């Protein structure tokens, strides 16, 4: 007589109890033989027999019956084996993802960076790293500096490449990669366009074109203007440095930007500042977060292949 009291009423409780035996039931269904199923799983045959017997007891009905030298799944066993197949496929896919995640040569890195770094700085870093770790996959995210930091803090991004670095905030780990000069971008007919260098304060009365609030270049520009003793008059704000250059080309203002990749945009000149100004570009990540191996490998590669050999925080998790 079947002991009905052994059968739980709640399906979630039953599933939690049965889960450890699903892999065994799946193997038995595939092999049709206890010994071969045990060999497939790498466990002793008596372990499989006892597990399936306990599974039947818990269900209140057997899941296998012997048939000659082999075994046969009961109707209850067949239903569970089909469910086990679907469940184990999903679990195995998750396990594969975990194994890749913890393997520095097969993991995935979600890498964020500001728009102005995507054309020249990021591609060589990725190419060099992939030469050494060809199976690591990347997810690339671009956006304003503050958005990249926020998404990295939230765990959506593993590492971000930003400027300025949050290196005065103990919550962040940082690694400077390179320094990039900043120049005054002027319309070719600007009164100071022929100067070899200029003080930022000399532009105090000009209209400025800049990136929006939340962008790294805007933060740096505002700080430099404050140090120069003036509050800039902004006529246009943009999300793209190329658009800022275009507005300068149209004679709609002056700007403070990194030098253009292929020389000044036609219709503009780039004049160095005196004293020189620059921005420090580097990696940032939450200091208390333990990074997966592939992410750590990319971080360390980027540090050693940047313009800086040192870092501002030597102790990495």
C-alpha atoms as a PDB file:
ATOM      1  CA  UNK A   1       0.000   0.000   0.000  1.00  0.00           C
ATOM      2  CA  UNK A   2       1.280   3.471  -0.914  1.00  0.00           C
ATOM      3  CA  UNK A   3       2.001   5.778   1.986  1.00  0.00           C
ATOM      4  CA  UNK A   4       0.071   8.859   0.839  1.00  0.00           C
ATOM      5  CA  UNK A   5       1.209  10.863   3.875  1.00  0.00           C
ATOM      6  CA  UNK A   6       4.707  10.999   2.375  1.00  0.00           C
ATOM      7  CA  UNK A   7       3.508  13.099  -0.547  1.00  0.00           C
ATOM      8  CA  UNK A   8       3.725  16.851   0.161  1.00  0.00           C
ATOM      9  CA  UNK A   9       0.796  19.015  -0.944  1.00  0.00           C
ATOM     10  CA  UNK A  10       2.948  21.994  -1.953  1.00  0.00           C
ATOM     11  CA  UNK A  11       4.578  21.636  -5.391  1.00  0.00           C
ATOM     12  CA  UNK A  12       7.455  24.005  -4.540  1.00  0.00           C
ATOM     13  CA  UNK A  13       8.348  21.908  -1.497  1.00  0.00           C
ATOM     14  CA  UNK A  14       8.219  18.771  -3.591  1.00  0.00           C
ATOM     15  CA  UNK A  15      10.434  20.321  -6.281  1.00  0.00           C
ATOM     16  CA  UNK A  16      12.990  21.423  -3.686  1.00  0.00           C
ATOM     17  CA  UNK A  17      13.109  17.906  -2.267  1.00  0.00           C
ATOM     18  CA  UNK A  18      13.353  16.206  -5.656  1.00  0.00           C
ATOM     19  CA  UNK A  19      15.935  18.522  -7.222  1.00  0.00           C
ATOM     20  CA  UNK A  20      19.053  16.593  -6.074  1.00  0.00           C
ATOM     21  CA  UNK A  21      17.749  13.389  -7.702  1.00  0.00           C
ATOM     22  CA  UNK A  22      16.795  14.925 -11.048  1.00  0.00           C
ATOM     23  CA  UNK A  23      20.216  14.436 -12.618  1.00  0.00           C
ATOM     24  CA  UNK A  24      20.126  10.754 -11.648  1.00  0.00           C
ATOM     25  CA  UNK A  25      16.628  10.267 -13.032  1.00  0.00           C
ATOM     26  CA  UNK A  26      17.623  11.999 -16.264  1.00  0.00           C
ATOM     27  CA  UNK A  27      20.686   9.758 -16.645  1.00  0.00           C
ATOM     28  CA  UNK A  28      18.687   6.622 -15.960  1.00  0.00           C
ATOM     29  CA  UNK A  29      16.092   7.664 -18.546  1.00  0.00           C
ATOM     30  CA  UNK A  30      18.836   8.189 -21.107  1.00  0.00           C
ATOM     31  CA  UNK A  31      20.803   5.001 -20.381  1.00  0.00           C
ATOM     32  CA  UNK A  32      18.044   2.569 -19.426  1.00  0.00           C
ATOM     33  CA  UNK A  33      20.493   0.930 -17.026  1.00  0.00           C
ATOM     34  CA  UNK A  34      21.496   1.819 -13.463  1.00  0.00           C
ATOM     35  CA  UNK A  35      25.166   0.915 -13.790  1.00  0.00           C
ATOM     36  CA  UNK A  36      25.674   2.865 -17.008  1.00  0.00           C
ATOM     37  CA  UNK A  37      23.781   5.830 -15.550  1.00  0.00           C
ATOM     38  CA  UNK A  38      26.033   5.735 -12.473  1.00  0.00           C
ATOM     39  CA  UNK A  39      29.128   5.654 -14.683  1.00  0.00           C
ATOM     40  CA  UNK A  40      27.843   8.655 -16.647  1.00  0.00           C
ATOM     41  CA  UNK A  41      27.348  10.598 -13.422  1.00  0.00           C
ATOM     42  CA  UNK A  42      30.602   9.422 -11.868  1.00  0.00           C
ATOM     43  CA  UNK A  43      28.924   8.008  -8.736  1.00  0.00           C
ATOM     44  CA  UNK A  44      28.580   4.456  -7.354  1.00  0.00           C
ATOM     45  CA  UNK A  45      25.638   2.429  -8.672  1.00  0.00           C
ATOM     46  CA  UNK A  46      24.182   1.829  -5.169  1.00  0.00           C
ATOM     47  CA  UNK A  47      24.007   5.608  -4.674  1.00  0.00           C
ATOM     48  CA  UNK A  48      21.761   5.933  -7.726  1.00  0.00           C
ATOM     49  CA  UNK A  49      19.579   3.000  -6.612  1.00  0.00           C
ATOM     50  CA  UNK A  50      19.080   4.431  -3.122  1.00  0.00           C
ATOM     51  CA  UNK A  51      18.395   7.946  -4.433  1.00  0.00           C
ATOM     52  CA  UNK A  52      15.714   6.759  -6.856  1.00  0.00           C
ATOM     53  CA  UNK A  53      14.152   4.512  -4.214  1.00  0.00           C
ATOM     54  CA  UNK A  54      13.923   7.483  -1.826  1.00  0.00           C
ATOM     55  CA  UNK A  55      12.505   9.553  -4.666  1.00  0.00           C
ATOM     56  CA  UNK A  56       9.738   6.988  -5.142  1.00  0.00           C
ATOM     57  CA  UNK A  57       9.053   6.912  -1.403  1.00  0.00           C
ATOM     58  CA  UNK A  58       8.777  10.672  -1.315  1.00  0.00           C
ATOM     59  CA  UNK A  59       6.426  10.712  -4.295  1.00  0.00           C
ATOM     60  CA  UNK A  60       4.337   7.853  -3.005  1.00  0.00           C
ATOM     61  CA  UNK A  61       4.907   5.922  -6.245  1.00  0.00           C
ATOM     62  CA  UNK A  62       7.989   4.253  -7.752  1.00  0.00           C
ATOM     63  CA  UNK A  63       9.823   6.015 -10.563  1.00  0.00           C
ATOM     64  CA  UNK A  64      11.586   2.922 -11.947  1.00  0.00           C
ATOM     65  CA  UNK A  65      10.820  -0.782 -12.178  1.00  0.00           C
ATOM     66  CA  UNK A  66      13.230  -3.536 -13.071  1.00  0.00           C
ATOM     67  CA  UNK A  67      12.860  -5.162 -16.490  1.00  0.00           C
ATOM     68  CA  UNK A  68      15.191  -8.097 -16.981  1.00  0.00           C
ATOM     69  CA  UNK A  69      18.729  -6.807 -16.535  1.00  0.00           C
ATOM     70  CA  UNK A  70      17.655  -3.289 -17.220  1.00  0.00           C
ATOM     71  CA  UNK A  71      15.103  -0.894 -15.801  1.00  0.00           C
ATOM     72  CA  UNK A  72      11.987   0.816 -17.035  1.00  0.00           C
ATOM     73  CA  UNK A  73      10.597   4.207 -16.008  1.00  0.00           C
ATOM     74  CA  UNK A  74       7.102   4.247 -14.599  1.00  0.00           C
ATOM     75  CA  UNK A  75       4.599   6.842 -15.769  1.00  0.00           C
ATOM     76  CA  UNK A  76       5.503   9.025 -12.778  1.00  0.00           C
ATOM     77  CA  UNK A  77       9.199   8.553 -13.569  1.00  0.00           C
ATOM     78  CA  UNK A  78       8.658   9.425 -17.239  1.00  0.00           C
ATOM     79  CA  UNK A  79       6.878  12.669 -16.352  1.00  0.00           C
ATOM     80  CA  UNK A  80       9.617  13.670 -13.920  1.00  0.00           C
ATOM     81  CA  UNK A  81      12.404  12.661 -16.331  1.00  0.00           C
ATOM     82  CA  UNK A  82      10.981  14.948 -19.004  1.00  0.00           C
ATOM     83  CA  UNK A  83      10.864  17.808 -16.502  1.00  0.00           C
ATOM     84  CA  UNK A  84      14.366  16.921 -15.353  1.00  0.00           C
ATOM     85  CA  UNK A  85      15.657  17.176 -18.921  1.00  0.00           C
ATOM     86  CA  UNK A  86      14.359  20.731 -19.290  1.00  0.00           C
ATOM     87  CA  UNK A  87      15.523  21.763 -15.821  1.00  0.00           C
ATOM     88  CA  UNK A  88      18.998  20.278 -16.202  1.00  0.00           C
ATOM     89  CA  UNK A  89      19.532  21.904 -19.591  1.00  0.00           C
ATOM     90  CA  UNK A  90      18.861  25.296 -18.053  1.00  0.00           C
ATOM     91  CA  UNK A  91      21.059  24.528 -15.059  1.00  0.00           C
ATOM     92  CA  UNK A  92      23.896  23.261 -17.242  1.00  0.00           C
ATOM     93  CA  UNK A  93      23.725  26.423 -19.343  1.00  0.00           C
ATOM     94  CA  UNK A  94      23.998  28.444 -16.147  1.00  0.00           C
ATOM     95  CA  UNK A  95      26.930  26.326 -14.970  1.00  0.00           C
ATOM     96  CA  UNK A  96      28.705  26.849 -18.288  1.00  0.00           C
ATOM     97  CA  UNK A  97      28.197  30.596 -17.897  1.00  0.00           C
ATOM     98  CA  UNK A  98      29.593  30.458 -14.347  1.00  0.00           C
ATOM     99  CA  UNK A  99      32.635  28.457 -15.445  1.00  0.00           C
ATOM    100  CA  UNK A 100      33.296  30.991 -18.186  1.00  0.00           C
ATOM    101  CA  UNK A 101      32.779  33.845 -15.751  1.00  0.00           C
ATOM    102  CA  UNK A 102      35.414  32.553 -13.333  1.00  0.00           C
ATOM    103  CA  UNK A 103      37.885  31.650 -16.098  1.00  0.00           C
ATOM    104  CA  UNK A 104      40.118  34.636 -16.958  1.00  0.00           C
ATOM    105  CA  UNK A 105      40.470  33.281 -20.489  1.00  0.00           C
ATOM    106  CA  UNK A 106      36.775  32.687 -21.150  1.00  0.00           C
ATOM    107  CA  UNK A 107      34.837  35.202 -19.079  1.00  0.00           C
ATOM    108  CA  UNK A 108      32.950  38.310 -20.068  1.00  0.00           C
ATOM    109  CA  UNK A 109      33.790  41.945 -19.343  1.00  0.00           C
ATOM    110  CA  UNK A 110      31.189  44.692 -19.469  1.00  0.00           C
ATOM    111  CA  UNK A 111      33.252  47.787 -20.155  1.00  0.00           C
ATOM    112  CA  UNK A 112      31.968  51.345 -20.025  1.00  0.00           C
ATOM    113  CA  UNK A 113      33.654  54.464 -21.358  1.00  0.00           C
ATOM    114  CA  UNK A 114      32.975  58.044 -22.357  1.00  0.00           C
ATOM    115  CA  UNK A 115      32.209  58.872 -25.980  1.00  0.00           C
ATOM    116  CA  UNK A 116      35.458  60.804 -26.480  1.00  0.00           C
ATOM    117  CA  UNK A 117      37.490  57.687 -25.665  1.00  0.00           C
ATOM    118  CA  UNK A 118      35.818  55.276 -28.063  1.00  0.00           C
ATOM    119  CA  UNK A 119      37.640  56.112 -31.282  1.00  0.00           C
ATOM    120  CA  UNK A 120      41.328  56.003 -30.373  1.00  0.00           C
ATOM    121  CA  UNK A 121      41.923  54.812 -26.809  1.00  0.00           C
ATOM    122  CA  UNK A 122      39.549  51.874 -26.409  1.00  0.00           C
ATOM    123  CA  UNK A 123      40.119  49.901 -29.660  1.00  0.00           C
ATOM    124  CA  UNK A 124      43.890  49.382 -29.137  1.00  0.00           C
ATOM    125  CA  UNK A 125      43.291  48.256 -25.554  1.00  0.00           C
ATOM    126  CA  UNK A 126      40.701  45.723 -26.647  1.00  0.00           C
ATOM    127  CA  UNK A 127      42.837  44.467 -29.525  1.00  0.00           C
ATOM    128  CA  UNK A 128      45.895  44.031 -27.314  1.00  0.00           C
ATOM    129  CA  UNK A 129      43.954  42.231 -24.598  1.00  0.00           C
ATOM    130  CA  UNK A 130      42.184  39.945 -27.066  1.00  0.00           C
ATOM    131  CA  UNK A 131      45.563  38.974 -28.517  1.00  0.00           C
ATOM    132  CA  UNK A 132      46.388  37.483 -25.116  1.00  0.00           C
ATOM    133  CA  UNK A 133      42.862  36.353 -24.148  1.00  0.00           C
ATOM    134  CA  UNK A 134      41.089  35.584 -27.426  1.00  0.00           C
ATOM    135  CA  UNK A 135      38.047  33.910 -25.850  1.00  0.00           C
ATOM    136  CA  UNK A 136      37.064  36.681 -23.444  1.00  0.00           C
ATOM    137  CA  UNK A 137      33.832  38.368 -24.552  1.00  0.00           C
ATOM    138  CA  UNK A 138      33.082  42.066 -24.160  1.00  0.00           C
ATOM    139  CA  UNK A 139      29.963  44.118 -23.711  1.00  0.00           C
ATOM    140  CA  UNK A 140      30.684  47.773 -24.501  1.00  0.00           C
ATOM    141  CA  UNK A 141      28.709  50.665 -23.038  1.00  0.00           C
ATOM    142  CA  UNK A 142      29.210  54.337 -23.898  1.00  0.00           C
ATOM    143  CA  UNK A 143      27.853  57.363 -22.128  1.00  0.00           C
ATOM    144  CA  UNK A 144      28.537  60.435 -20.010  1.00  0.00           C
ATOM    145  CA  UNK A 145      31.053  60.195 -17.203  1.00  0.00           C
ATOM    146  CA  UNK A 146      28.508  60.377 -14.353  1.00  0.00           C
ATOM    147  CA  UNK A 147      26.252  57.792 -16.010  1.00  0.00           C
ATOM    148  CA  UNK A 148      29.174  55.387 -16.459  1.00  0.00           C
ATOM    149  CA  UNK A 149      30.106  55.690 -12.794  1.00  0.00           C
ATOM    150  CA  UNK A 150      26.493  55.241 -11.681  1.00  0.00           C
ATOM    151  CA  UNK A 151      26.020  52.116 -13.799  1.00  0.00           C
ATOM    152  CA  UNK A 152      29.343  50.693 -12.609  1.00  0.00           C
ATOM    153  CA  UNK A 153      28.338  51.270  -9.002  1.00  0.00           C
ATOM    154  CA  UNK A 154      24.997  49.576  -9.671  1.00  0.00           C
ATOM    155  CA  UNK A 155      26.782  46.487 -11.048  1.00  0.00           C
ATOM    156  CA  UNK A 156      25.614  46.927 -14.643  1.00  0.00           C
ATOM    157  CA  UNK A 157      29.193  47.625 -15.756  1.00  0.00           C
ATOM    158  CA  UNK A 158      32.347  45.891 -14.472  1.00  0.00           C
ATOM    159  CA  UNK A 159      34.854  48.667 -15.164  1.00  0.00           C
ATOM    160  CA  UNK A 160      34.555  52.123 -16.634  1.00  0.00           C
ATOM    161  CA  UNK A 161      37.066  54.392 -18.342  1.00  0.00           C
ATOM    162  CA  UNK A 162      36.389  57.957 -17.280  1.00  0.00           C
ATOM    163  CA  UNK A 163      37.867  61.392 -16.702  1.00  0.00           C
ATOM    164  CA  UNK A 164      38.137  62.879 -14.184  1.00  0.00           C
ATOM    165  CA  UNK A 165      38.656  59.886 -11.934  1.00  0.00           C
ATOM    166  CA  UNK A 166      36.767  59.620  -8.624  1.00  0.00           C
ATOM    167  CA  UNK A 167      40.133  59.171  -6.923  1.00  0.00           C
ATOM    168  CA  UNK A 168      39.302  61.296  -3.897  1.00  0.00           C
ATOM    169  CA  UNK A 169      36.403  59.018  -3.023  1.00  0.00           C
ATOM    170  CA  UNK A 170      37.507  56.025  -0.916  1.00  0.00           C
ATOM    171  CA  UNK A 171      34.571  53.984  -2.245  1.00  0.00           C
ATOM    172  CA  UNK A 172      36.284  53.715  -5.621  1.00  0.00           C
ATOM    173  CA  UNK A 173      39.353  51.897  -6.854  1.00  0.00           C
ATOM    174  CA  UNK A 174      41.081  53.808  -9.631  1.00  0.00           C
ATOM    175  CA  UNK A 175      43.973  53.314 -12.022  1.00  0.00           C
ATOM    176  CA  UNK A 176      45.119  56.246 -14.200  1.00  0.00           C
ATOM    177  CA  UNK A 177      45.919  55.207 -17.760  1.00  0.00           C
ATOM    178  CA  UNK A 178      47.043  58.331 -19.557  1.00  0.00           C
ATOM    179  CA  UNK A 179      47.116  62.097 -19.510  1.00  0.00           C
ATOM    180  CA  UNK A 180      45.592  63.933 -22.442  1.00  0.00           C
ATOM    181  CA  UNK A 181      46.236  67.655 -23.116  1.00  0.00           C
ATOM    182  CA  UNK A 182      43.388  70.125 -23.371  1.00  0.00           C
ATOM    183  CA  UNK A 183      43.486  72.988 -25.853  1.00  0.00           C
ATOM    184  CA  UNK A 184      41.424  76.039 -26.655  1.00  0.00           C
ATOM    185  CA  UNK A 185      39.445  75.364 -29.844  1.00  0.00           C
ATOM    186  CA  UNK A 186      38.836  78.664 -31.648  1.00  0.00           C
ATOM    187  CA  UNK A 187      37.177  79.781 -34.857  1.00  0.00           C
ATOM    188  CA  UNK A 188      39.866  80.583 -37.455  1.00  0.00           C
ATOM    189  CA  UNK A 189      38.884  84.267 -37.411  1.00  0.00           C
ATOM    190  CA  UNK A 190      38.962  84.532 -33.625  1.00  0.00           C
ATOM    191  CA  UNK A 191      41.063  87.414 -32.321  1.00  0.00           C
ATOM    192  CA  UNK A 192      43.474  84.966 -30.614  1.00  0.00           C
ATOM    193  CA  UNK A 193      43.597  82.374 -33.406  1.00  0.00           C
ATOM    194  CA  UNK A 194      47.215  83.225 -34.308  1.00  0.00           C
ATOM    195  CA  UNK A 195      48.557  82.870 -30.783  1.00  0.00           C
ATOM    196  CA  UNK A 196      51.015  80.078 -30.016  1.00  0.00           C
ATOM    197  CA  UNK A 197      49.508  79.740 -26.528  1.00  0.00           C
ATOM    198  CA  UNK A 198      47.054  81.613 -24.359  1.00  0.00           C
ATOM    199  CA  UNK A 199      45.811  81.905 -20.815  1.00  0.00           C
ATOM    200  CA  UNK A 200      42.321  80.588 -20.258  1.00  0.00           C
ATOM    201  CA  UNK A 201      41.445  83.866 -18.503  1.00  0.00           C
ATOM    202  CA  UNK A 202      41.931  85.657 -21.833  1.00  0.00           C
ATOM    203  CA  UNK A 203      38.743  83.963 -23.037  1.00  0.00           C
ATOM    204  CA  UNK A 204      36.678  85.075 -20.047  1.00  0.00           C
ATOM    205  CA  UNK A 205      34.567  87.439 -22.159  1.00  0.00           C
ATOM    206  CA  UNK A 206      33.874  84.908 -24.945  1.00  0.00           C
ATOM    207  CA  UNK A 207      30.853  82.742 -25.497  1.00  0.00           C
ATOM    208  CA  UNK A 208      31.647  79.095 -24.766  1.00  0.00           C
ATOM    209  CA  UNK A 209      30.377  75.854 -26.267  1.00  0.00           C
ATOM    210  CA  UNK A 210      30.640  72.838 -23.934  1.00  0.00           C
ATOM    211  CA  UNK A 211      29.338  69.376 -23.202  1.00  0.00           C
ATOM    212  CA  UNK A 212      26.352  68.995 -20.883  1.00  0.00           C
ATOM    213  CA  UNK A 213      26.332  68.625 -17.119  1.00  0.00           C
ATOM    214  CA  UNK A 214      27.322  65.097 -16.095  1.00  0.00           C
ATOM    215  CA  UNK A 215      29.995  64.871 -18.790  1.00  0.00           C
ATOM    216  CA  UNK A 216      33.624  64.674 -17.721  1.00  0.00           C
ATOM    217  CA  UNK A 217      34.862  67.436 -20.011  1.00  0.00           C
ATOM    218  CA  UNK A 218      32.229  69.795 -18.626  1.00  0.00           C
ATOM    219  CA  UNK A 219      33.384  69.134 -15.059  1.00  0.00           C
ATOM    220  CA  UNK A 220      37.033  69.697 -15.955  1.00  0.00           C
ATOM    221  CA  UNK A 221      36.266  72.854 -17.947  1.00  0.00           C
ATOM    222  CA  UNK A 222      34.199  74.330 -15.118  1.00  0.00           C
ATOM    223  CA  UNK A 223      37.002  73.671 -12.648  1.00  0.00           C
ATOM    224  CA  UNK A 224      39.656  75.237 -14.873  1.00  0.00           C
ATOM    225  CA  UNK A 225      37.517  78.314 -15.478  1.00  0.00           C
ATOM    226  CA  UNK A 226      36.977  78.700 -11.743  1.00  0.00           C
ATOM    227  CA  UNK A 227      40.725  78.499 -11.154  1.00  0.00           C
ATOM    228  CA  UNK A 228      41.204  81.136 -13.865  1.00  0.00           C
ATOM    229  CA  UNK A 229      38.868  83.456 -11.981  1.00  0.00           C
ATOM    230  CA  UNK A 230      35.758  83.588 -14.164  1.00  0.00           C
ATOM    231  CA  UNK A 231      32.404  81.951 -14.720  1.00  0.00           C
ATOM    232  CA  UNK A 232      32.053  80.981 -18.400  1.00  0.00           C
ATOM    233  CA  UNK A 233      29.144  82.226 -20.469  1.00  0.00           C
ATOM    234  CA  UNK A 234      27.670  79.144 -22.156  1.00  0.00           C
ATOM    235  CA  UNK A 235      25.771  79.650 -25.385  1.00  0.00           C
ATOM    236  CA  UNK A 236      25.411  76.006 -26.476  1.00  0.00           C
ATOM    237  CA  UNK A 237      25.632  72.621 -24.749  1.00  0.00           C
ATOM    238  CA  UNK A 238      25.993  69.288 -26.513  1.00  0.00           C
ATOM    239  CA  UNK A 239      26.364  65.591 -25.775  1.00  0.00           C
ATOM    240  CA  UNK A 240      29.104  65.071 -28.383  1.00  0.00           C
ATOM    241  CA  UNK A 241      32.564  66.614 -28.604  1.00  0.00           C
ATOM    242  CA  UNK A 242      32.313  66.517 -32.415  1.00  0.00           C
ATOM    243  CA  UNK A 243      29.172  68.654 -32.238  1.00  0.00           C
ATOM    244  CA  UNK A 244      31.014  71.117 -29.982  1.00  0.00           C
ATOM    245  CA  UNK A 245      33.757  71.387 -32.619  1.00  0.00           C
ATOM    246  CA  UNK A 246      31.150  71.918 -35.316  1.00  0.00           C
ATOM    247  CA  UNK A 247      29.606  74.798 -33.367  1.00  0.00           C
ATOM    248  CA  UNK A 248      33.041  76.380 -33.003  1.00  0.00           C
ATOM    249  CA  UNK A 249      33.555  75.961 -36.764  1.00  0.00           C
ATOM    250  CA  UNK A 250      30.363  77.947 -37.263  1.00  0.00           C
ATOM    251  CA  UNK A 251      31.768  80.767 -35.149  1.00  0.00           C
ATOM    252  CA  UNK A 252      29.249  80.228 -32.351  1.00  0.00           C
ATOM    253  CA  UNK A 253      31.739  80.136 -29.495  1.00  0.00           C
ATOM    254  CA  UNK A 254      35.019  78.793 -28.185  1.00  0.00           C
ATOM    255  CA  UNK A 255      35.631  75.467 -26.462  1.00  0.00           C
ATOM    256  CA  UNK A 256      38.088  73.560 -24.295  1.00  0.00           C
ATOM    257  CA  UNK A 257      38.667  70.065 -25.672  1.00  0.00           C
ATOM    258  CA  UNK A 258      41.324  67.394 -26.223  1.00  0.00           C
ATOM    259  CA  UNK A 259      43.137  67.818 -29.565  1.00  0.00           C
ATOM    260  CA  UNK A 260      41.193  66.346 -32.476  1.00  0.00           C
ATOM    261  CA  UNK A 261      42.382  62.886 -33.552  1.00  0.00           C
ATOM    262  CA  UNK A 262      43.334  63.970 -37.083  1.00  0.00           C
ATOM    263  CA  UNK A 263      44.269  67.579 -36.497  1.00  0.00           C
ATOM    264  CA  UNK A 264      42.043  70.634 -36.042  1.00  0.00           C
ATOM    265  CA  UNK A 265      38.646  70.536 -37.680  1.00  0.00           C
ATOM    266  CA  UNK A 266      38.585  72.740 -40.814  1.00  0.00           C
ATOM    267  CA  UNK A 267      37.582  76.240 -39.769  1.00  0.00           C
ATOM    268  CA  UNK A 268      39.147  75.930 -36.316  1.00  0.00           C
ATOM    269  CA  UNK A 269      42.545  76.261 -34.667  1.00  0.00           C
ATOM    270  CA  UNK A 270      43.770  74.565 -31.494  1.00  0.00           C
ATOM    271  CA  UNK A 271      45.829  76.726 -29.153  1.00  0.00           C
ATOM    272  CA  UNK A 272      47.651  75.233 -26.136  1.00  0.00           C
ATOM    273  CA  UNK A 273      46.938  76.758 -22.751  1.00  0.00           C
ATOM    274  CA  UNK A 274      49.442  78.489 -20.480  1.00  0.00           C
ATOM    275  CA  UNK A 275      49.771  77.011 -17.929  1.00  0.00           C
ATOM    276  CA  UNK A 276      49.131  73.689 -19.691  1.00  0.00           C
ATOM    277  CA  UNK A 277      45.882  71.873 -18.944  1.00  0.00           C
ATOM    278  CA  UNK A 278      45.145  68.189 -19.240  1.00  0.00           C
ATOM    279  CA  UNK A 279      42.704  65.500 -18.230  1.00  0.00           C
ATOM    280  CA  UNK A 280      43.668  62.211 -16.591  1.00  0.00           C
ATOM    281  CA  UNK A 281      41.894  59.203 -18.063  1.00  0.00           C
ATOM    282  CA  UNK A 282      41.686  55.986 -16.103  1.00  0.00           C
ATOM    283  CA  UNK A 283      39.725  52.994 -14.880  1.00  0.00           C
ATOM    284  CA  UNK A 284      37.272  53.083 -11.992  1.00  0.00           C
ATOM    285  CA  UNK A 285      35.460  50.291 -10.136  1.00  0.00           C
ATOM    286  CA  UNK A 286      33.866  49.937  -6.673  1.00  0.00           C
ATOM    287  CA  UNK A 287      36.786  49.345  -4.301  1.00  0.00           C
ATOM    288  CA  UNK A 288      34.952  46.801  -2.140  1.00  0.00           C
ATOM    289  CA  UNK A 289      33.768  44.688  -5.065  1.00  0.00           C
ATOM    290  CA  UNK A 290      35.618  41.454  -5.857  1.00  0.00           C
ATOM    291  CA  UNK A 291      36.086  41.434  -9.607  1.00  0.00           C
ATOM    292  CA  UNK A 292      35.729  38.200 -11.625  1.00  0.00           C
ATOM    293  CA  UNK A 293      39.020  36.834 -13.009  1.00  0.00           C
ATOM    294  CA  UNK A 294      38.442  38.008 -16.595  1.00  0.00           C
ATOM    295  CA  UNK A 295      37.625  41.523 -15.376  1.00  0.00           C
ATOM    296  CA  UNK A 296      40.720  41.588 -13.163  1.00  0.00           C
ATOM    297  CA  UNK A 297      42.843  40.393 -16.079  1.00  0.00           C
ATOM    298  CA  UNK A 298      41.538  43.192 -18.301  1.00  0.00           C
ATOM    299  CA  UNK A 299      42.032  45.773 -15.559  1.00  0.00           C
ATOM    300  CA  UNK A 300      45.628  44.695 -14.982  1.00  0.00           C
ATOM    301  CA  UNK A 301      46.354  44.562 -18.717  1.00  0.00           C
ATOM    302  CA  UNK A 302      44.982  48.078 -19.161  1.00  0.00           C
ATOM    303  CA  UNK A 303      47.074  49.389 -16.275  1.00  0.00           C
ATOM    304  CA  UNK A 304      50.311  47.939 -17.596  1.00  0.00           C
ATOM    305  CA  UNK A 305      49.672  49.027 -21.195  1.00  0.00           C
ATOM    306  CA  UNK A 306      48.636  52.593 -20.387  1.00  0.00           C
ATOM    307  CA  UNK A 307      50.865  55.643 -20.274  1.00  0.00           C
ATOM    308  CA  UNK A 308      51.216  55.323 -16.504  1.00  0.00           C
ATOM    309  CA  UNK A 309      53.172  52.489 -14.907  1.00  0.00           C
ATOM    310  CA  UNK A 310      51.814  53.186 -11.431  1.00  0.00           C
ATOM    311  CA  UNK A 311      48.405  53.684  -9.924  1.00  0.00           C
ATOM    312  CA  UNK A 312      46.759  55.754  -7.242  1.00  0.00           C
ATOM    313  CA  UNK A 313      45.605  52.797  -5.257  1.00  0.00           C
ATOM    314  CA  UNK A 314      47.989  49.884  -5.108  1.00  0.00           C
ATOM    315  CA  UNK A 315      45.932  47.363  -3.158  1.00  0.00           C
ATOM    316  CA  UNK A 316      43.527  45.609  -5.506  1.00  0.00           C
ATOM    317  CA  UNK A 317      40.872  43.127  -4.367  1.00  0.00           C
END
